[in-house]
Amino acid sequence: MFQGAFTALITPFTREGKIDEKALRKLVDFQIEQGIDGLVPVGTTGESPTLDPEETERVIRIVVEQANARVPVIAGTGSNCTDKAIHMTAKAKEIGATASLQVAPYYNKPTGEGFFRHFTAIADQVDLPMVVYNIPGRAGKNIENPVMLKLAEHKNIVAVKEASGSIPQMMDLIAKKPKNFNVLSGDDNLTYPLMALGGTGVISVASNIVPERMKDLTQAALQGEWERARRLHYDLLPLFKAIFLETNPIPIKAAMAMKGFVEEIYRLPMCPMSEENKKTLSGVLKELKIL
C-alpha cells in the first residue's frame, strides 16, 4: 500500500475563504486520472494548522467520497495534543480513510520518550494504519532513529514520511527497520536518492501539479530502472526548487492557480508570493511545459 507517489493535497478555498468543495473534488479526480498512487489530505500542504476540526473532517470526507476507494487516502490527523490526534484519527477511520498521517508534535518539542508515548497512544486507541511524519524543520525536534525503530514494532505504525533531510539518518533507518515498515520521502528532491537507498516512495508536493511525472519517477525506481529514474529526477529538479522559493504551500498553490485548478486564496499567516518569486515560478513552469 505504501509504495509509489502520494500527493500531499492542497486545500482549495473560495474567494470568501471557505473550503472550495467543487475544486477539491476536481483535484481528486485529476490526481486519480493521472495515475497517482494515493492522496494525503489535510497535511501541511493542505494548510492544516488553519483548518478547524469541522473543516478538517469535511476535507477528509470529501476526498474519501470522491476517491471512492480508487486509491488509498492517508488522512492528516496529527496534532501537538495527543487527545486531539486520537479524536481526529477516530473520525478519519469512521469516514473511511485508509490510514492516518501523524506529524511530530510541533512547538512542544517532546523528548524521545514523549514522541514514543504520543504515537503509541494514537496507534493503541485507533486501529488504523499510521504513517509517522518526521519533519524537524517545522516541528522543532527530530525523531531519532532509535525511537522510530521502537515505533516500527507496533502493528499499526507502518511507515514514516521522512523529511529530516539527513541521508545518513535515512540510510541507518532503512538498514535497521523491520521488513514491513516503509520509508517514504517527505522531500520531492530527495525521492530519487532515498529510493535508491531502499525507500519505497514519496508523499509529494510537486505531484499536485505533475502527478503523472512523479508516478513515473517512483515507478522507475521501484522497478530498478535507475537511469530512467535519474533522468526524471533531474528533469523535475527545477520544479522541486521552485515550489520551495517560499514557504510551502504558497508556491504550489500559486502554480495550481496558474493552471486554473484553484483560486489563489490562502489563510493567514500564509499569504501570496512576492511578484519576483511568482515570475520565477512561472518561468520554470513554462520551461517544463507545465504551463
Protein backbone atom coordinates (compact mmCIF):
# COMPACT_ATOMS: atom_id res chain seq x y z
CA MET A 1 0.00 0.00 0.00
CA PHE A 2 2.76 2.47 0.91
CA GLN A 3 4.73 2.41 -2.32
CA GLY A 4 4.90 4.99 -5.08
CA ALA A 5 3.77 8.61 -5.30
CA PHE A 6 1.22 10.03 -2.86
CA THR A 7 0.04 13.62 -3.23
CA ALA A 8 0.02 15.94 -0.22
CA LEU A 9 -3.09 17.75 -1.46
CA ILE A 10 -3.55 21.49 -1.28
CA THR A 11 -6.84 22.69 0.20
CA PRO A 12 -8.70 24.98 -2.24
CA PHE A 13 -10.55 27.95 -0.78
CA THR A 14 -13.24 30.16 -2.30
CA ARG A 15 -12.85 33.93 -2.51
CA GLU A 16 -14.92 34.06 0.67
CA GLY A 17 -12.30 31.92 2.42
CA LYS A 18 -14.41 28.77 2.65
CA ILE A 19 -13.42 25.28 1.53
CA ASP A 20 -13.98 25.01 -2.22
CA GLU A 21 -15.61 21.59 -2.43
CA LYS A 22 -16.08 21.66 -6.19
CA ALA A 23 -12.40 22.43 -6.82
CA LEU A 24 -11.29 19.82 -4.30
CA ARG A 25 -13.37 17.10 -5.95
CA LYS A 26 -11.90 18.05 -9.34
CA LEU A 27 -8.40 17.84 -7.88
CA VAL A 28 -9.07 14.33 -6.58
CA ASP A 29 -10.33 13.20 -9.98
CA PHE A 30 -7.38 14.81 -11.77
CA GLN A 31 -4.91 13.05 -9.47
CA ILE A 32 -6.50 9.64 -9.93
CA GLU A 33 -6.89 10.05 -13.69
CA GLN A 34 -3.17 10.83 -13.88
CA GLY A 35 -2.33 7.58 -12.09
CA ILE A 36 -1.32 8.78 -8.62
CA ASP A 37 -0.87 6.00 -6.04
CA GLY A 38 -2.61 7.74 -3.14
CA LEU A 39 -3.87 11.00 -1.66
CA VAL A 40 -2.91 12.76 1.56
CA PRO A 41 -5.42 15.48 2.52
CA VAL A 42 -5.03 17.92 5.42
CA GLY A 43 -1.27 17.80 5.78
CA THR A 44 0.93 20.87 5.99
CA THR A 45 0.47 21.37 2.23
CA GLY A 46 -3.28 21.43 2.91
CA GLU A 47 -2.83 24.33 5.36
CA SER A 48 -3.95 22.07 8.19
CA PRO A 49 -2.99 24.47 11.02
CA THR A 50 -5.62 26.93 9.80
CA LEU A 51 -8.49 24.43 9.45
CA ASP A 52 -10.82 23.97 12.41
CA PRO A 53 -11.82 20.39 13.38
CA GLU A 54 -15.08 20.52 11.44
CA GLU A 55 -13.28 21.70 8.31
CA THR A 56 -10.61 19.03 8.72
CA GLU A 57 -13.31 16.37 8.95
CA ARG A 58 -15.10 17.83 5.93
CA VAL A 59 -11.97 17.82 3.73
CA ILE A 60 -11.21 14.21 4.66
CA ARG A 61 -14.81 13.22 3.94
CA ILE A 62 -14.80 14.94 0.53
CA VAL A 63 -11.54 13.27 -0.51
CA VAL A 64 -12.63 9.83 0.71
CA GLU A 65 -16.01 10.15 -1.04
CA GLN A 66 -14.54 11.41 -4.30
CA ALA A 67 -11.72 8.87 -4.34
CA ASN A 68 -14.38 6.18 -3.84
CA ALA A 69 -11.79 3.51 -2.95
CA ARG A 70 -9.91 4.04 -6.23
CA VAL A 71 -6.73 4.95 -4.33
CA PRO A 72 -5.73 4.92 -0.64
CA VAL A 73 -6.44 8.09 1.37
CA ILE A 74 -3.94 8.85 4.12
CA ALA A 75 -5.67 11.49 6.24
CA GLY A 76 -3.63 14.10 8.07
CA THR A 77 -5.00 13.86 11.60
CA GLY A 78 -1.91 14.75 13.64
CA SER A 79 -1.69 17.33 16.39
CA ASN A 80 0.64 18.54 19.09
CA CYS A 81 -2.10 17.44 21.51
CA THR A 82 -2.34 13.66 21.77
CA ASP A 83 -6.01 13.62 22.74
CA LYS A 84 -6.91 15.78 19.71
CA ALA A 85 -4.93 13.48 17.42
CA ILE A 86 -6.73 10.43 18.79
CA HIS A 87 -10.12 12.09 18.35
CA MET A 88 -9.47 13.19 14.76
CA THR A 89 -7.91 9.85 13.81
CA ALA A 90 -11.01 8.05 15.08
CA LYS A 91 -13.13 10.39 12.94
CA ALA A 92 -10.97 9.65 9.88
CA LYS A 93 -11.39 5.92 10.42
CA GLU A 94 -15.16 6.37 10.75
CA ILE A 95 -15.22 8.36 7.49
CA GLY A 96 -13.30 5.61 5.69
CA ALA A 97 -9.70 6.82 5.44
CA THR A 98 -7.18 4.10 4.62
CA ALA A 99 -4.55 5.36 7.06
CA SER A 100 -3.54 8.42 9.03
CA LEU A 101 -0.55 10.75 8.79
CA GLN A 102 0.69 11.82 12.22
CA VAL A 103 3.01 14.80 12.31
CA ALA A 104 5.64 15.04 15.05
CA PRO A 105 4.15 17.24 17.79
CA TYR A 106 5.28 20.75 16.92
CA TYR A 107 6.27 23.51 19.35
CA ASN A 108 6.06 21.14 22.35
CA LYS A 109 9.47 19.63 21.42
CA PRO A 110 8.91 16.28 23.20
CA THR A 111 11.69 14.05 24.42
CA GLY A 112 12.26 10.75 22.63
CA GLU A 113 10.08 9.08 25.24
CA GLY A 114 7.39 11.72 24.67
CA PHE A 115 7.39 11.01 20.95
CA PHE A 116 7.14 7.29 21.62
CA ARG A 117 4.22 7.65 24.03
CA HIS A 118 2.38 10.11 21.76
CA PHE A 119 2.41 7.95 18.63
CA THR A 120 1.86 4.73 20.57
CA ALA A 121 -1.18 6.19 22.33
CA ILE A 122 -2.80 7.02 18.98
CA ALA A 123 -1.92 3.63 17.49
CA ASP A 124 -3.30 1.84 20.56
CA GLN A 125 -6.54 3.81 20.65
CA VAL A 126 -7.39 3.75 16.91
CA ASP A 127 -6.92 0.57 14.88
CA LEU A 128 -5.86 2.28 11.67
CA PRO A 129 -2.50 2.13 9.84
CA MET A 130 -0.31 5.10 10.74
CA VAL A 131 2.38 6.98 8.84
CA VAL A 132 4.60 8.96 11.21
CA TYR A 133 5.76 12.32 9.84
CA ASN A 134 9.27 13.35 10.87
CA ILE A 135 9.85 16.99 9.93
CA PRO A 136 12.24 18.67 12.38
CA GLY A 137 12.36 21.86 10.30
CA ARG A 138 8.71 22.55 11.20
CA ALA A 139 8.27 20.56 14.40
CA GLY A 140 11.44 21.85 16.06
CA LYS A 141 12.63 18.37 17.05
CA ASN A 142 13.94 15.34 15.17
CA ILE A 143 12.54 11.87 15.82
CA GLU A 144 15.77 9.95 16.27
CA ASN A 145 16.13 6.50 14.72
CA PRO A 146 16.13 4.53 17.99
CA VAL A 147 12.67 5.97 18.73
CA MET A 148 11.43 5.37 15.18
CA LEU A 149 12.61 1.77 15.27
CA LYS A 150 10.70 1.20 18.53
CA LEU A 151 7.60 2.71 16.95
CA ALA A 152 8.02 0.47 13.89
CA GLU A 153 7.43 -2.56 16.09
CA HIS A 154 3.79 -1.50 16.63
CA LYS A 155 1.39 -3.34 14.32
CA ASN A 156 -0.43 -0.13 13.36
CA ILE A 157 2.67 2.01 12.71
CA VAL A 158 3.52 1.02 9.16
CA ALA A 159 5.59 3.81 7.60
CA VAL A 160 7.38 7.11 8.08
CA LYS A 161 7.28 10.23 5.95
CA GLU A 162 10.92 11.14 6.40
CA ALA A 163 11.73 14.83 5.98
CA SER A 164 14.74 15.24 8.24
CA GLY A 165 16.87 15.97 5.17
CA SER A 166 19.59 13.72 6.59
CA ILE A 167 20.73 11.00 4.20
CA PRO A 168 22.80 9.30 6.96
CA GLN A 169 19.70 9.14 9.19
CA MET A 170 17.62 7.70 6.35
CA MET A 171 20.27 5.09 5.48
CA ASP A 172 20.57 3.98 9.09
CA LEU A 173 16.79 3.69 9.45
CA ILE A 174 16.38 1.68 6.24
CA ALA A 175 19.23 -0.63 7.23
CA LYS A 176 17.68 -1.46 10.61
CA LYS A 177 13.90 -1.21 10.07
CA PRO A 178 11.52 -4.19 10.09
CA LYS A 179 10.74 -5.60 6.64
CA ASN A 180 7.09 -4.50 6.75
CA PHE A 181 7.88 -0.87 7.69
CA ASN A 182 8.16 1.56 4.76
CA VAL A 183 10.23 4.72 4.47
CA LEU A 184 8.72 7.42 2.25
CA SER A 185 10.43 10.65 1.29
CA GLY A 186 8.92 13.85 2.64
CA ASP A 187 11.03 15.94 0.26
CA ASP A 188 10.48 15.79 -3.50
CA ASN A 189 14.12 16.49 -4.25
CA LEU A 190 15.26 13.54 -2.11
CA THR A 191 12.85 11.00 -3.60
CA TYR A 192 15.39 9.54 -6.02
CA PRO A 193 18.30 9.18 -3.55
CA LEU A 194 16.04 7.84 -0.81
CA MET A 195 14.52 5.22 -3.11
CA ALA A 196 17.99 4.26 -4.32
CA LEU A 197 18.78 3.53 -0.66
CA GLY A 198 15.66 1.37 -0.20
CA GLY A 199 12.83 3.83 0.36
CA THR A 200 9.51 2.99 -1.26
CA GLY A 201 8.16 6.32 -2.50
CA VAL A 202 7.24 9.89 -1.67
CA ILE A 203 4.49 11.97 -0.15
CA SER A 204 4.85 14.73 -2.68
CA VAL A 205 4.09 18.42 -3.00
CA ALA A 206 5.12 18.54 -6.67
CA SER A 207 2.62 15.84 -7.63
CA ASN A 208 -0.22 18.30 -7.06
CA ILE A 209 0.68 19.68 -10.48
CA VAL A 210 2.66 16.82 -12.10
CA PRO A 211 1.15 13.62 -10.66
CA GLU A 212 1.96 11.52 -13.71
CA ARG A 213 5.62 12.56 -13.69
CA MET A 214 6.06 11.80 -10.00
CA LYS A 215 4.34 8.46 -10.53
CA ASP A 216 6.73 7.72 -13.40
CA LEU A 217 9.76 8.61 -11.28
CA THR A 218 8.75 6.39 -8.38
CA GLN A 219 7.71 3.51 -10.61
CA ALA A 220 11.03 3.62 -12.46
CA ALA A 221 12.83 3.46 -9.12
CA LEU A 222 10.66 0.63 -7.79
CA GLN A 223 11.35 -1.33 -10.97
CA GLY A 224 15.11 -0.74 -10.74
CA GLU A 225 15.21 1.44 -13.85
CA TRP A 226 17.76 3.75 -12.28
CA GLU A 227 18.93 5.61 -15.39
CA ARG A 228 15.33 6.48 -16.26
CA ALA A 229 14.56 7.46 -12.67
CA ARG A 230 17.68 9.66 -12.55
CA ARG A 231 16.70 11.41 -15.77
CA LEU A 232 13.18 12.05 -14.46
CA HIS A 233 14.64 13.36 -11.20
CA TYR A 234 16.84 15.89 -12.97
CA ASP A 235 14.06 16.86 -15.37
CA LEU A 236 11.90 17.79 -12.37
CA LEU A 237 14.62 19.29 -10.17
CA PRO A 238 13.93 22.90 -11.29
CA LEU A 239 10.30 22.41 -10.23
CA PHE A 240 11.32 20.91 -6.88
CA LYS A 241 13.37 24.02 -6.21
CA ALA A 242 10.77 26.49 -7.48
CA ILE A 243 7.95 25.19 -5.29
CA PHE A 244 10.05 25.97 -2.25
CA LEU A 245 11.03 29.51 -3.22
CA GLU A 246 8.75 30.50 -0.34
CA THR A 247 7.17 28.53 2.48
CA ASN A 248 5.12 25.53 1.38
CA PRO A 249 2.29 25.53 0.29
CA ILE A 250 2.47 29.08 -1.06
CA PRO A 251 4.31 28.32 -4.35
CA ILE A 252 2.48 25.09 -5.20
CA LYS A 253 -0.87 26.77 -4.64
CA ALA A 254 0.25 29.66 -6.84
CA ALA A 255 1.29 27.15 -9.51
CA MET A 256 -2.06 25.35 -9.31
CA ALA A 257 -3.84 28.71 -9.63
CA MET A 258 -1.76 29.49 -12.75
CA LYS A 259 -3.03 26.20 -14.20
CA GLY A 260 -6.61 27.13 -13.37
CA PHE A 261 -7.22 24.40 -10.80
CA VAL A 262 -7.90 26.71 -7.83
CA GLU A 263 -8.25 30.29 -6.77
CA GLU A 264 -5.02 31.65 -5.32
CA ILE A 265 -6.51 32.04 -1.86
CA TYR A 266 -4.58 31.37 1.35
CA ARG A 267 -5.37 31.63 5.01
CA LEU A 268 -3.19 33.82 7.15
CA PRO A 269 -0.44 33.52 8.12
CA MET A 270 0.08 32.14 4.61
CA CYS A 271 -0.06 34.91 2.00
CA PRO A 272 0.57 35.33 -1.75
CA MET A 273 4.08 35.05 -3.22
CA SER A 274 6.17 38.09 -3.98
CA GLU A 275 5.83 39.15 -7.61
CA GLU A 276 9.51 38.44 -8.25
CA ASN A 277 9.25 34.86 -6.98
CA LYS A 278 5.98 34.33 -8.81
CA LYS A 279 7.66 35.39 -12.04
CA THR A 280 10.48 32.91 -11.40
CA LEU A 281 7.97 30.15 -10.65
CA SER A 282 6.00 30.90 -13.81
CA GLY A 283 9.21 30.76 -15.85
CA VAL A 284 10.07 27.32 -14.50
CA LEU A 285 6.55 26.02 -15.20
CA LYS A 286 6.76 27.27 -18.78
CA GLU A 287 10.25 25.83 -19.24
CA LEU A 288 8.99 22.41 -18.11
CA LYS A 289 5.91 22.75 -20.34
CA ILE A 290 3.58 22.63 -17.34
CA LEU A 291 2.06 25.94 -18.41
